Amino acid sequence: MTRSRAQDMNVCGVTAAIAVIDGKWKTVLLWLLEAGPHRPGELRRRLPGLSEKVLTQALREMESDGLVRREVHDVLPLKTVYSLTTFGRELSEALAPLADWGHRRLEKLAQAQAQPS
């Protein structure tokens, strides 16, 4: 899905929601930020496969979509902290039932694979 879909007014609500969480890392970042504010370095340490470039891009897109707030503290060295906005928390809460469904699906797949053929 392209980034432009996140701004398209002529899509269904599900497509509009998926457009802002599309990608490998955004749902994980939402989940981590649910626990509280994090600095970018903390997020990278928690997600070893995530490059700094991709993290920066994902956080900027999430900020642009109103999901996260970026706070820069005027200290030396500069300290940047990301946290969920109210809108981001609403999305996270809305995704919880979908995550539950996904876990049930994975359990069914595991059971099917464990069954002897």
PDB file of N, CA and C in Angstrom:
ATOM      1  N   MET A   1       0.861  -1.173   0.000  1.00  0.00           N
ATOM      2  CA  MET A   1       0.000   0.000   0.000  1.00  0.00           C
ATOM      3  C   MET A   1       0.901   1.228   0.000  1.00  0.00           C
ATOM      4  N   THR A   2       0.513   2.196  -0.759  1.00  0.00           N
ATOM      5  CA  THR A   2       1.354   3.381  -0.853  1.00  0.00           C
ATOM      6  C   THR A   2       1.003   4.381   0.232  1.00  0.00           C
ATOM      7  N   ARG A   3       1.933   5.243   0.522  1.00  0.00           N
ATOM      8  CA  ARG A   3       1.753   6.285   1.544  1.00  0.00           C
ATOM      9  C   ARG A   3       0.585   7.200   1.207  1.00  0.00           C
ATOM     10  N   SER A   4       0.352   7.421  -0.095  1.00  0.00           N
ATOM     11  CA  SER A   4      -0.726   8.326  -0.498  1.00  0.00           C
ATOM     12  C   SER A   4      -2.097   7.819  -0.054  1.00  0.00           C
ATOM     13  N   ARG A   5      -2.231   6.515   0.170  1.00  0.00           N
ATOM     14  CA  ARG A   5      -3.517   5.967   0.619  1.00  0.00           C
ATOM     15  C   ARG A   5      -3.878   6.475   2.008  1.00  0.00           C
ATOM     16  N   ALA A   6      -2.889   6.844   2.784  1.00  0.00           N
ATOM     17  CA  ALA A   6      -3.141   7.358   4.138  1.00  0.00           C
ATOM     18  C   ALA A   6      -3.830   8.716   4.092  1.00  0.00           C
ATOM     19  N   GLN A   7      -3.726   9.415   2.959  1.00  0.00           N
ATOM     20  CA  GLN A   7      -4.335  10.739   2.814  1.00  0.00           C
ATOM     21  C   GLN A   7      -5.554  10.725   1.894  1.00  0.00           C
ATOM     22  N   ASP A   8      -5.841   9.578   1.281  1.00  0.00           N
ATOM     23  CA  ASP A   8      -6.926   9.466   0.306  1.00  0.00           C
ATOM     24  C   ASP A   8      -8.274   9.469   1.017  1.00  0.00           C
ATOM     25  N   MET A   9      -9.129  10.422   0.659  1.00  0.00           N
ATOM     26  CA  MET A   9     -10.446  10.549   1.298  1.00  0.00           C
ATOM     27  C   MET A   9     -11.476   9.594   0.692  1.00  0.00           C
ATOM     28  N   ASN A  10     -11.113   8.909  -0.399  1.00  0.00           N
ATOM     29  CA  ASN A  10     -12.063   8.061  -1.109  1.00  0.00           C
ATOM     30  C   ASN A  10     -11.793   6.579  -0.904  1.00  0.00           C
ATOM     31  N   VAL A  11     -11.396   6.209   0.291  1.00  0.00           N
ATOM     32  CA  VAL A  11     -11.176   4.802   0.601  1.00  0.00           C
ATOM     33  C   VAL A  11     -12.069   4.433   1.781  1.00  0.00           C
ATOM     34  N   CYS A  12     -12.277   3.140   1.955  1.00  0.00           N
ATOM     35  CA  CYS A  12     -13.083   2.707   3.099  1.00  0.00           C
ATOM     36  C   CYS A  12     -12.290   2.901   4.393  1.00  0.00           C
ATOM     37  N   GLY A  13     -12.980   2.861   5.515  1.00  0.00           N
ATOM     38  CA  GLY A  13     -12.349   3.094   6.807  1.00  0.00           C
ATOM     39  C   GLY A  13     -11.255   2.100   7.139  1.00  0.00           C
ATOM     40  N   VAL A  14     -11.448   0.839   6.771  1.00  0.00           N
ATOM     41  CA  VAL A  14     -10.427  -0.175   7.062  1.00  0.00           C
ATOM     42  C   VAL A  14      -9.155   0.136   6.279  1.00  0.00           C
ATOM     43  N   THR A  15      -9.303   0.489   5.019  1.00  0.00           N
ATOM     44  CA  THR A  15      -8.142   0.841   4.205  1.00  0.00           C
ATOM     45  C   THR A  15      -7.439   2.065   4.770  1.00  0.00           C
ATOM     46  N   ALA A  16      -8.210   3.047   5.224  1.00  0.00           N
ATOM     47  CA  ALA A  16      -7.623   4.252   5.810  1.00  0.00           C
ATOM     48  C   ALA A  16      -6.840   3.919   7.070  1.00  0.00           C
ATOM     49  N   ALA A  17      -7.348   2.993   7.873  1.00  0.00           N
ATOM     50  CA  ALA A  17      -6.649   2.600   9.097  1.00  0.00           C
ATOM     51  C   ALA A  17      -5.388   1.806   8.775  1.00  0.00           C
ATOM     52  N   ILE A  18      -5.503   0.860   7.854  1.00  0.00           N
ATOM     53  CA  ILE A  18      -4.348   0.033   7.502  1.00  0.00           C
ATOM     54  C   ILE A  18      -3.251   0.874   6.873  1.00  0.00           C
ATOM     55  N   ALA A  19      -3.625   1.909   6.140  1.00  0.00           N
ATOM     56  CA  ALA A  19      -2.631   2.763   5.483  1.00  0.00           C
ATOM     57  C   ALA A  19      -1.672   3.403   6.482  1.00  0.00           C
ATOM     58  N   VAL A  20      -2.138   3.717   7.687  1.00  0.00           N
ATOM     59  CA  VAL A  20      -1.254   4.376   8.658  1.00  0.00           C
ATOM     60  C   VAL A  20      -0.433   3.388   9.480  1.00  0.00           C
ATOM     61  N   ILE A  21      -0.754   2.088   9.415  1.00  0.00           N
ATOM     62  CA  ILE A  21       0.047   1.101  10.141  1.00  0.00           C
ATOM     63  C   ILE A  21       0.754   0.145   9.199  1.00  0.00           C
ATOM     64  N   ASP A  22       0.665   0.434   7.904  1.00  0.00           N
ATOM     65  CA  ASP A  22       1.286  -0.423   6.909  1.00  0.00           C
ATOM     66  C   ASP A  22       2.800  -0.437   7.093  1.00  0.00           C
ATOM     67  N   GLY A  23       3.373  -1.573   6.911  1.00  0.00           N
ATOM     68  CA  GLY A  23       4.821  -1.716   7.041  1.00  0.00           C
ATOM     69  C   GLY A  23       5.166  -2.684   8.161  1.00  0.00           C
ATOM     70  N   LYS A  24       6.404  -3.050   8.206  1.00  0.00           N
ATOM     71  CA  LYS A  24       6.877  -4.077   9.139  1.00  0.00           C
ATOM     72  C   LYS A  24       6.940  -3.601  10.591  1.00  0.00           C
ATOM     73  N   TRP A  25       7.194  -2.314  10.823  1.00  0.00           N
ATOM     74  CA  TRP A  25       7.555  -1.870  12.155  1.00  0.00           C
ATOM     75  C   TRP A  25       6.525  -1.025  12.888  1.00  0.00           C
ATOM     76  N   LYS A  26       5.559  -0.455  12.193  1.00  0.00           N
ATOM     77  CA  LYS A  26       4.677   0.519  12.843  1.00  0.00           C
ATOM     78  C   LYS A  26       3.813  -0.091  13.945  1.00  0.00           C
ATOM     79  N   THR A  27       3.296  -1.283  13.738  1.00  0.00           N
ATOM     80  CA  THR A  27       2.471  -1.873  14.801  1.00  0.00           C
ATOM     81  C   THR A  27       3.326  -2.204  16.024  1.00  0.00           C
ATOM     82  N   VAL A  28       4.550  -2.650  15.804  1.00  0.00           N
ATOM     83  CA  VAL A  28       5.452  -2.938  16.928  1.00  0.00           C
ATOM     84  C   VAL A  28       5.810  -1.647  17.660  1.00  0.00           C
ATOM     85  N   LEU A  29       6.044  -0.581  16.902  1.00  0.00           N
ATOM     86  CA  LEU A  29       6.345   0.713  17.529  1.00  0.00           C
ATOM     87  C   LEU A  29       5.154   1.211  18.342  1.00  0.00           C
ATOM     88  N   LEU A  30       3.933   1.053  17.813  1.00  0.00           N
ATOM     89  CA  LEU A  30       2.735   1.413  18.584  1.00  0.00           C
ATOM     90  C   LEU A  30       2.706   0.646  19.894  1.00  0.00           C
ATOM     91  N   TRP A  31       2.972  -0.647  19.820  1.00  0.00           N
ATOM     92  CA  TRP A  31       2.939  -1.502  20.996  1.00  0.00           C
ATOM     93  C   TRP A  31       3.980  -1.062  22.031  1.00  0.00           C
ATOM     94  N   LEU A  32       5.197  -0.761  21.572  1.00  0.00           N
ATOM     95  CA  LEU A  32       6.245  -0.317  22.502  1.00  0.00           C
ATOM     96  C   LEU A  32       5.899   1.037  23.122  1.00  0.00           C
ATOM     97  N   LEU A  33       5.370   1.949  22.318  1.00  0.00           N
ATOM     98  CA  LEU A  33       5.050   3.286  22.832  1.00  0.00           C
ATOM     99  C   LEU A  33       3.818   3.276  23.732  1.00  0.00           C
ATOM    100  N   GLU A  34       3.020   2.211  23.677  1.00  0.00           N
ATOM    101  CA  GLU A  34       1.895   2.079  24.606  1.00  0.00           C
ATOM    102  C   GLU A  34       2.381   2.065  26.048  1.00  0.00           C
ATOM    103  N   ALA A  35       3.562   1.509  26.262  1.00  0.00           N
ATOM    104  CA  ALA A  35       4.124   1.389  27.606  1.00  0.00           C
ATOM    105  C   ALA A  35       4.618   2.723  28.146  1.00  0.00           C
ATOM    106  N   GLY A  36       4.783   3.700  27.269  1.00  0.00           N
ATOM    107  CA  GLY A  36       5.254   5.006  27.703  1.00  0.00           C
ATOM    108  C   GLY A  36       6.236   5.590  26.714  1.00  0.00           C
ATOM    109  N   PRO A  37       6.661   6.830  26.968  1.00  0.00           N
ATOM    110  CA  PRO A  37       7.582   7.505  26.051  1.00  0.00           C
ATOM    111  C   PRO A  37       8.915   6.767  25.939  1.00  0.00           C
ATOM    112  N   HIS A  38       9.500   6.839  24.745  1.00  0.00           N
ATOM    113  CA  HIS A  38      10.795   6.213  24.484  1.00  0.00           C
ATOM    114  C   HIS A  38      11.655   7.142  23.640  1.00  0.00           C
ATOM    115  N   ARG A  39      12.938   7.056  23.867  1.00  0.00           N
ATOM    116  CA  ARG A  39      13.904   7.727  23.000  1.00  0.00           C
ATOM    117  C   ARG A  39      14.181   6.817  21.809  1.00  0.00           C
ATOM    118  N   PRO A  40      14.583   7.389  20.678  1.00  0.00           N
ATOM    119  CA  PRO A  40      14.831   6.556  19.484  1.00  0.00           C
ATOM    120  C   PRO A  40      15.842   5.437  19.732  1.00  0.00           C
ATOM    121  N   GLY A  41      16.887   5.722  20.480  1.00  0.00           N
ATOM    122  CA  GLY A  41      17.885   4.702  20.776  1.00  0.00           C
ATOM    123  C   GLY A  41      17.302   3.526  21.549  1.00  0.00           C
ATOM    124  N   GLU A  42      16.382   3.816  22.461  1.00  0.00           N
ATOM    125  CA  GLU A  42      15.724   2.751  23.221  1.00  0.00           C
ATOM    126  C   GLU A  42      14.896   1.869  22.289  1.00  0.00           C
ATOM    127  N   LEU A  43      14.197   2.512  21.363  1.00  0.00           N
ATOM    128  CA  LEU A  43      13.379   1.754  20.408  1.00  0.00           C
ATOM    129  C   LEU A  43      14.254   0.858  19.539  1.00  0.00           C
ATOM    130  N   ARG A  44      15.380   1.383  19.085  1.00  0.00           N
ATOM    131  CA  ARG A  44      16.286   0.576  18.258  1.00  0.00           C
ATOM    132  C   ARG A  44      16.854  -0.596  19.026  1.00  0.00           C
ATOM    133  N   ARG A  45      17.183  -0.402  20.288  1.00  0.00           N
ATOM    134  CA  ARG A  45      17.712  -1.513  21.098  1.00  0.00           C
ATOM    135  C   ARG A  45      16.653  -2.597  21.295  1.00  0.00           C
ATOM    136  N   ARG A  46      15.400  -2.192  21.405  1.00  0.00           N
ATOM    137  CA  ARG A  46      14.312  -3.162  21.591  1.00  0.00           C
ATOM    138  C   ARG A  46      13.982  -3.917  20.302  1.00  0.00           C
ATOM    139  N   LEU A  47      14.360  -3.330  19.157  1.00  0.00           N
ATOM    140  CA  LEU A  47      14.064  -3.918  17.845  1.00  0.00           C
ATOM    141  C   LEU A  47      15.360  -4.026  17.039  1.00  0.00           C
ATOM    142  N   PRO A  48      16.164  -5.047  17.314  1.00  0.00           N
ATOM    143  CA  PRO A  48      17.502  -5.138  16.716  1.00  0.00           C
ATOM    144  C   PRO A  48      17.538  -5.130  15.184  1.00  0.00           C
ATOM    145  N   GLY A  49      16.513  -5.606  14.502  1.00  0.00           N
ATOM    146  CA  GLY A  49      16.534  -5.637  13.046  1.00  0.00           C
ATOM    147  C   GLY A  49      16.139  -4.323  12.397  1.00  0.00           C
ATOM    148  N   LEU A  50      15.824  -3.324  13.195  1.00  0.00           N
ATOM    149  CA  LEU A  50      15.344  -2.040  12.701  1.00  0.00           C
ATOM    150  C   LEU A  50      16.503  -1.061  12.555  1.00  0.00           C
ATOM    151  N   SER A  51      16.709  -0.580  11.334  1.00  0.00           N
ATOM    152  CA  SER A  51      17.786   0.385  11.105  1.00  0.00           C
ATOM    153  C   SER A  51      17.359   1.775  11.565  1.00  0.00           C
ATOM    154  N   GLU A  52      18.342   2.624  11.785  1.00  0.00           N
ATOM    155  CA  GLU A  52      18.054   3.997  12.213  1.00  0.00           C
ATOM    156  C   GLU A  52      17.248   4.740  11.150  1.00  0.00           C
ATOM    157  N   LYS A  53      17.595   4.513   9.882  1.00  0.00           N
ATOM    158  CA  LYS A  53      16.894   5.177   8.780  1.00  0.00           C
ATOM    159  C   LYS A  53      15.420   4.778   8.745  1.00  0.00           C
ATOM    160  N   VAL A  54      15.142   3.501   8.842  1.00  0.00           N
ATOM    161  CA  VAL A  54      13.759   3.017   8.783  1.00  0.00           C
ATOM    162  C   VAL A  54      12.988   3.467  10.023  1.00  0.00           C
ATOM    163  N   LEU A  55      13.637   3.453  11.188  1.00  0.00           N
ATOM    164  CA  LEU A  55      12.994   3.942  12.407  1.00  0.00           C
ATOM    165  C   LEU A  55      12.604   5.408  12.255  1.00  0.00           C
ATOM    166  N   THR A  56      13.542   6.222  11.779  1.00  0.00           N
ATOM    167  CA  THR A  56      13.263   7.645  11.598  1.00  0.00           C
ATOM    168  C   THR A  56      12.108   7.851  10.631  1.00  0.00           C
ATOM    169  N   GLN A  57      12.110   7.115   9.528  1.00  0.00           N
ATOM    170  CA  GLN A  57      11.049   7.248   8.533  1.00  0.00           C
ATOM    171  C   GLN A  57       9.696   6.841   9.123  1.00  0.00           C
ATOM    172  N   ALA A  58       9.660   5.713   9.832  1.00  0.00           N
ATOM    173  CA  ALA A  58       8.405   5.239  10.417  1.00  0.00           C
ATOM    174  C   ALA A  58       7.879   6.236  11.448  1.00  0.00           C
ATOM    175  N   LEU A  59       8.753   6.742  12.319  1.00  0.00           N
ATOM    176  CA  LEU A  59       8.321   7.697  13.339  1.00  0.00           C
ATOM    177  C   LEU A  59       7.835   9.002  12.713  1.00  0.00           C
ATOM    178  N   ARG A  60       8.510   9.457  11.663  1.00  0.00           N
ATOM    179  CA  ARG A  60       8.055  10.683  10.982  1.00  0.00           C
ATOM    180  C   ARG A  60       6.672  10.485  10.366  1.00  0.00           C
ATOM    181  N   GLU A  61       6.461   9.329   9.730  1.00  0.00           N
ATOM    182  CA  GLU A  61       5.148   9.046   9.142  1.00  0.00           C
ATOM    183  C   GLU A  61       4.077   8.945  10.225  1.00  0.00           C
ATOM    184  N   MET A  62       4.414   8.304  11.325  1.00  0.00           N
ATOM    185  CA  MET A  62       3.456   8.168  12.420  1.00  0.00           C
ATOM    186  C   MET A  62       3.150   9.533  13.040  1.00  0.00           C
ATOM    187  N   GLU A  63       4.156  10.393  13.105  1.00  0.00           N
ATOM    188  CA  GLU A  63       3.932  11.751  13.604  1.00  0.00           C
ATOM    189  C   GLU A  63       3.040  12.525  12.635  1.00  0.00           C
ATOM    190  N   SER A  64       3.318  12.395  11.352  1.00  0.00           N
ATOM    191  CA  SER A  64       2.518  13.066  10.324  1.00  0.00           C
ATOM    192  C   SER A  64       1.062  12.596  10.358  1.00  0.00           C
ATOM    193  N   ASP A  65       0.853  11.335  10.695  1.00  0.00           N
ATOM    194  CA  ASP A  65      -0.502  10.777  10.763  1.00  0.00           C
ATOM    195  C   ASP A  65      -1.182  11.046  12.104  1.00  0.00           C
ATOM    196  N   GLY A  66      -0.476  11.725  13.006  1.00  0.00           N
ATOM    197  CA  GLY A  66      -1.063  12.097  14.285  1.00  0.00           C
ATOM    198  C   GLY A  66      -1.054  11.003  15.332  1.00  0.00           C
ATOM    199  N   LEU A  67      -0.232   9.971  15.133  1.00  0.00           N
ATOM    200  CA  LEU A  67      -0.195   8.846  16.074  1.00  0.00           C
ATOM    201  C   LEU A  67       0.819   9.050  17.196  1.00  0.00           C
ATOM    202  N   VAL A  68       1.923   9.711  16.883  1.00  0.00           N
ATOM    203  CA  VAL A  68       2.959   9.928  17.899  1.00  0.00           C
ATOM    204  C   VAL A  68       3.294  11.408  18.006  1.00  0.00           C
ATOM    205  N   ARG A  69       3.790  11.756  19.165  1.00  0.00           N
ATOM    206  CA  ARG A  69       4.245  13.114  19.455  1.00  0.00           C
ATOM    207  C   ARG A  69       5.761  13.054  19.631  1.00  0.00           C
ATOM    208  N   ARG A  70       6.428  13.984  19.000  1.00  0.00           N
ATOM    209  CA  ARG A  70       7.885  14.076  19.104  1.00  0.00           C
ATOM    210  C   ARG A  70       8.214  15.284  19.958  1.00  0.00           C
ATOM    211  N   GLU A  71       8.933  15.058  21.052  1.00  0.00           N
ATOM    212  CA  GLU A  71       9.342  16.154  21.929  1.00  0.00           C
ATOM    213  C   GLU A  71      10.861  16.242  21.928  1.00  0.00           C
ATOM    214  N   VAL A  72      11.358  17.429  21.636  1.00  0.00           N
ATOM    215  CA  VAL A  72      12.805  17.658  21.663  1.00  0.00           C
ATOM    216  C   VAL A  72      13.095  18.514  22.882  1.00  0.00           C
ATOM    217  N   HIS A  73      13.892  17.973  23.804  1.00  0.00           N
ATOM    218  CA  HIS A  73      14.261  18.688  25.022  1.00  0.00           C
ATOM    219  C   HIS A  73      15.555  19.455  24.768  1.00  0.00           C
ATOM    220  N   ASP A  74      15.550  20.712  25.120  1.00  0.00           N
ATOM    221  CA  ASP A  74      16.674  21.599  24.845  1.00  0.00           C
ATOM    222  C   ASP A  74      17.782  21.426  25.874  1.00  0.00           C
ATOM    223  N   VAL A  75      18.432  20.285  25.781  1.00  0.00           N
ATOM    224  CA  VAL A  75      19.592  20.004  26.621  1.00  0.00           C
ATOM    225  C   VAL A  75      20.709  19.549  25.683  1.00  0.00           C
ATOM    226  N   LEU A  76      21.921  19.560  26.171  1.00  0.00           N
ATOM    227  CA  LEU A  76      23.023  19.084  25.351  1.00  0.00           C
ATOM    228  C   LEU A  76      23.515  17.752  25.871  1.00  0.00           C
ATOM    229  N   PRO A  77      23.593  16.727  25.057  1.00  0.00           N
ATOM    230  CA  PRO A  77      23.111  16.671  23.680  1.00  0.00           C
ATOM    231  C   PRO A  77      21.579  16.693  23.654  1.00  0.00           C
ATOM    232  N   LEU A  78      21.018  17.071  22.495  1.00  0.00           N
ATOM    233  CA  LEU A  78      19.564  17.130  22.362  1.00  0.00           C
ATOM    234  C   LEU A  78      18.948  15.791  22.726  1.00  0.00           C
ATOM    235  N   LYS A  79      17.838  15.853  23.399  1.00  0.00           N
ATOM    236  CA  LYS A  79      17.137  14.642  23.819  1.00  0.00           C
ATOM    237  C   LYS A  79      15.771  14.634  23.135  1.00  0.00           C
ATOM    238  N   THR A  80      15.529  13.621  22.307  1.00  0.00           N
ATOM    239  CA  THR A  80      14.254  13.479  21.611  1.00  0.00           C
ATOM    240  C   THR A  80      13.499  12.310  22.221  1.00  0.00           C
ATOM    241  N   VAL A  81      12.211  12.523  22.480  1.00  0.00           N
ATOM    242  CA  VAL A  81      11.368  11.500  23.080  1.00  0.00           C
ATOM    243  C   VAL A  81      10.083  11.385  22.253  1.00  0.00           C
ATOM    244  N   TYR A  82       9.681  10.154  21.993  1.00  0.00           N
ATOM    245  CA  TYR A  82       8.437   9.895  21.263  1.00  0.00           C
ATOM    246  C   TYR A  82       7.425   9.265  22.204  1.00  0.00           C
ATOM    247  N   SER A  83       6.172   9.682  22.056  1.00  0.00           N
ATOM    248  CA  SER A  83       5.084   9.107  22.848  1.00  0.00           C
ATOM    249  C   SER A  83       3.836   9.054  21.981  1.00  0.00           C
ATOM    250  N   LEU A  84       2.888   8.231  22.403  1.00  0.00           N
ATOM    251  CA  LEU A  84       1.629   8.139  21.667  1.00  0.00           C
ATOM    252  C   LEU A  84       0.760   9.348  21.960  1.00  0.00           C
ATOM    253  N   THR A  85       0.066   9.801  20.943  1.00  0.00           N
ATOM    254  CA  THR A  85      -0.951  10.830  21.121  1.00  0.00           C
ATOM    255  C   THR A  85      -2.240  10.132  21.535  1.00  0.00           C
ATOM    256  N   THR A  86      -3.246  10.884  21.872  1.00  0.00           N
ATOM    257  CA  THR A  86      -4.558  10.301  22.177  1.00  0.00           C
ATOM    258  C   THR A  86      -5.059   9.523  20.973  1.00  0.00           C
ATOM    259  N   PHE A  87      -4.868  10.076  19.783  1.00  0.00           N
ATOM    260  CA  PHE A  87      -5.286   9.420  18.544  1.00  0.00           C
ATOM    261  C   PHE A  87      -4.533   8.100  18.354  1.00  0.00           C
ATOM    262  N   GLY A  88      -3.244   8.090  18.676  1.00  0.00           N
ATOM    263  CA  GLY A  88      -2.447   6.869  18.597  1.00  0.00           C
ATOM    264  C   GLY A  88      -2.920   5.815  19.591  1.00  0.00           C
ATOM    265  N   ARG A  89      -3.278   6.262  20.797  1.00  0.00           N
ATOM    266  CA  ARG A  89      -3.809   5.321  21.796  1.00  0.00           C
ATOM    267  C   ARG A  89      -5.131   4.724  21.334  1.00  0.00           C
ATOM    268  N   GLU A  90      -5.975   5.551  20.715  1.00  0.00           N
ATOM    269  CA  GLU A  90      -7.251   5.045  20.185  1.00  0.00           C
ATOM    270  C   GLU A  90      -7.007   3.966  19.133  1.00  0.00           C
ATOM    271  N   LEU A  91      -6.031   4.203  18.253  1.00  0.00           N
ATOM    272  CA  LEU A  91      -5.709   3.200  17.237  1.00  0.00           C
ATOM    273  C   LEU A  91      -5.198   1.926  17.892  1.00  0.00           C
ATOM    274  N   SER A  92      -4.339   2.065  18.870  1.00  0.00           N
ATOM    275  CA  SER A  92      -3.793   0.905  19.559  1.00  0.00           C
ATOM    276  C   SER A  92      -4.906   0.082  20.217  1.00  0.00           C
ATOM    277  N   GLU A  93      -5.851   0.771  20.840  1.00  0.00           N
ATOM    278  CA  GLU A  93      -6.987   0.073  21.457  1.00  0.00           C
ATOM    279  C   GLU A  93      -7.855  -0.606  20.406  1.00  0.00           C
ATOM    280  N   ALA A  94      -8.026   0.048  19.258  1.00  0.00           N
ATOM    281  CA  ALA A  94      -8.837  -0.535  18.187  1.00  0.00           C
ATOM    282  C   ALA A  94      -8.165  -1.770  17.593  1.00  0.00           C
ATOM    283  N   LEU A  95      -6.832  -1.809  17.616  1.00  0.00           N
ATOM    284  CA  LEU A  95      -6.099  -2.943  17.058  1.00  0.00           C
ATOM    285  C   LEU A  95      -6.067  -4.147  17.992  1.00  0.00           C
ATOM    286  N   ALA A  96      -6.356  -3.956  19.265  1.00  0.00           N
ATOM    287  CA  ALA A  96      -6.277  -5.057  20.240  1.00  0.00           C
ATOM    288  C   ALA A  96      -7.144  -6.256  19.835  1.00  0.00           C
ATOM    289  N   PRO A  97      -8.412  -6.074  19.463  1.00  0.00           N
ATOM    290  CA  PRO A  97      -9.201  -7.236  19.037  1.00  0.00           C
ATOM    291  C   PRO A  97      -8.640  -7.911  17.784  1.00  0.00           C
ATOM    292  N   LEU A  98      -8.082  -7.126  16.884  1.00  0.00           N
ATOM    293  CA  LEU A  98      -7.474  -7.702  15.685  1.00  0.00           C
ATOM    294  C   LEU A  98      -6.249  -8.535  16.068  1.00  0.00           C
ATOM    295  N   ALA A  99      -5.468  -8.055  17.015  1.00  0.00           N
ATOM    296  CA  ALA A  99      -4.306  -8.809  17.494  1.00  0.00           C
ATOM    297  C   ALA A  99      -4.750 -10.116  18.144  1.00  0.00           C
ATOM    298  N   ASP A 100      -5.819 -10.069  18.936  1.00  0.00           N
ATOM    299  CA  ASP A 100      -6.349 -11.292  19.550  1.00  0.00           C
ATOM    300  C   ASP A 100      -6.742 -12.302  18.476  1.00  0.00           C
ATOM    301  N   TRP A 101      -7.439 -11.822  17.439  1.00  0.00           N
ATOM    302  CA  TRP A 101      -7.848 -12.690  16.344  1.00  0.00           C
ATOM    303  C   TRP A 101      -6.617 -13.296  15.672  1.00  0.00           C
ATOM    304  N   GLY A 102      -5.591 -12.476  15.449  1.00  0.00           N
ATOM    305  CA  GLY A 102      -4.368 -12.958  14.823  1.00  0.00           C
ATOM    306  C   GLY A 102      -3.682 -14.041  15.642  1.00  0.00           C
ATOM    307  N   HIS A 103      -3.672 -13.886  16.972  1.00  0.00           N
ATOM    308  CA  HIS A 103      -3.072 -14.913  17.840  1.00  0.00           C
ATOM    309  C   HIS A 103      -3.876 -16.212  17.764  1.00  0.00           C
ATOM    310  N   ARG A 104      -5.199 -16.109  17.732  1.00  0.00           N
ATOM    311  CA  ARG A 104      -6.033 -17.318  17.600  1.00  0.00           C
ATOM    312  C   ARG A 104      -5.764 -18.007  16.265  1.00  0.00           C
ATOM    313  N   ARG A 105      -5.604 -17.229  15.214  1.00  0.00           N
ATOM    314  CA  ARG A 105      -5.302 -17.798  13.901  1.00  0.00           C
ATOM    315  C   ARG A 105      -3.963 -18.527  13.921  1.00  0.00           C
ATOM    316  N   LEU A 106      -2.958 -17.917  14.536  1.00  0.00           N
ATOM    317  CA  LEU A 106      -1.650 -18.564  14.621  1.00  0.00           C
ATOM    318  C   LEU A 106      -1.713 -19.866  15.413  1.00  0.00           C
ATOM    319  N   GLU A 107      -2.515 -19.877  16.475  1.00  0.00           N
ATOM    320  CA  GLU A 107      -2.690 -21.106  17.251  1.00  0.00           C
ATOM    321  C   GLU A 107      -3.326 -22.199  16.398  1.00  0.00           C
ATOM    322  N   LYS A 108      -4.340 -21.838  15.605  1.00  0.00           N
ATOM    323  CA  LYS A 108      -4.985 -22.810  14.723  1.00  0.00           C
ATOM    324  C   LYS A 108      -4.001 -23.352  13.692  1.00  0.00           C
ATOM    325  N   LEU A 109      -3.166 -22.477  13.141  1.00  0.00           N
ATOM    326  CA  LEU A 109      -2.164 -22.923  12.173  1.00  0.00           C
ATOM    327  C   LEU A 109      -1.172 -23.885  12.820  1.00  0.00           C
ATOM    328  N   ALA A 110      -0.748 -23.567  14.036  1.00  0.00           N
ATOM    329  CA  ALA A 110       0.198 -24.432  14.749  1.00  0.00           C
ATOM    330  C   ALA A 110      -0.427 -25.796  15.039  1.00  0.00           C
ATOM    331  N   GLN A 111      -1.699 -25.792  15.432  1.00  0.00           N
ATOM    332  CA  GLN A 111      -2.384 -27.054  15.697  1.00  0.00           C
ATOM    333  C   GLN A 111      -2.513 -27.873  14.423  1.00  0.00           C
ATOM    334  N   ALA A 112      -2.840 -27.229  13.317  1.00  0.00           N
ATOM    335  CA  ALA A 112      -2.984 -27.934  12.044  1.00  0.00           C
ATOM    336  C   ALA A 112      -1.650 -28.535  11.605  1.00  0.00           C
ATOM    337  N   GLN A 113      -0.552 -27.828  11.840  1.00  0.00           N
ATOM    338  CA  GLN A 113       0.764 -28.338  11.459  1.00  0.00           C
ATOM    339  C   GLN A 113       1.207 -29.481  12.368  1.00  0.00           C
ATOM    340  N   ALA A 114       0.723 -29.473  13.614  1.00  0.00           N
ATOM    341  CA  ALA A 114       1.105 -30.514  14.567  1.00  0.00           C
ATOM    342  C   ALA A 114       0.321 -31.803  14.331  1.00  0.00           C
ATOM    343  N   GLN A 115      -0.786 -31.720  13.621  1.00  0.00           N
ATOM    344  CA  GLN A 115      -1.611 -32.903  13.320  1.00  0.00           C
ATOM    345  C   GLN A 115      -0.864 -33.808  12.348  1.00  0.00           C
ATOM    346  N   PRO A 116      -0.788 -35.105  12.645  1.00  0.00           N
ATOM    347  CA  PRO A 116      -0.142 -36.019  11.685  1.00  0.00           C
ATOM    348  C   PRO A 116      -0.991 -36.135  10.425  1.00  0.00           C
ATOM    349  N   SER A 117      -0.322 -36.181   9.294  1.00  0.00           N
ATOM    350  CA  SER A 117      -1.032 -36.269   8.001  1.00  0.00           C
ATOM    351  C   SER A 117      -1.438 -37.671   7.681  1.00  0.00           C
TER     352      SER A 117
END
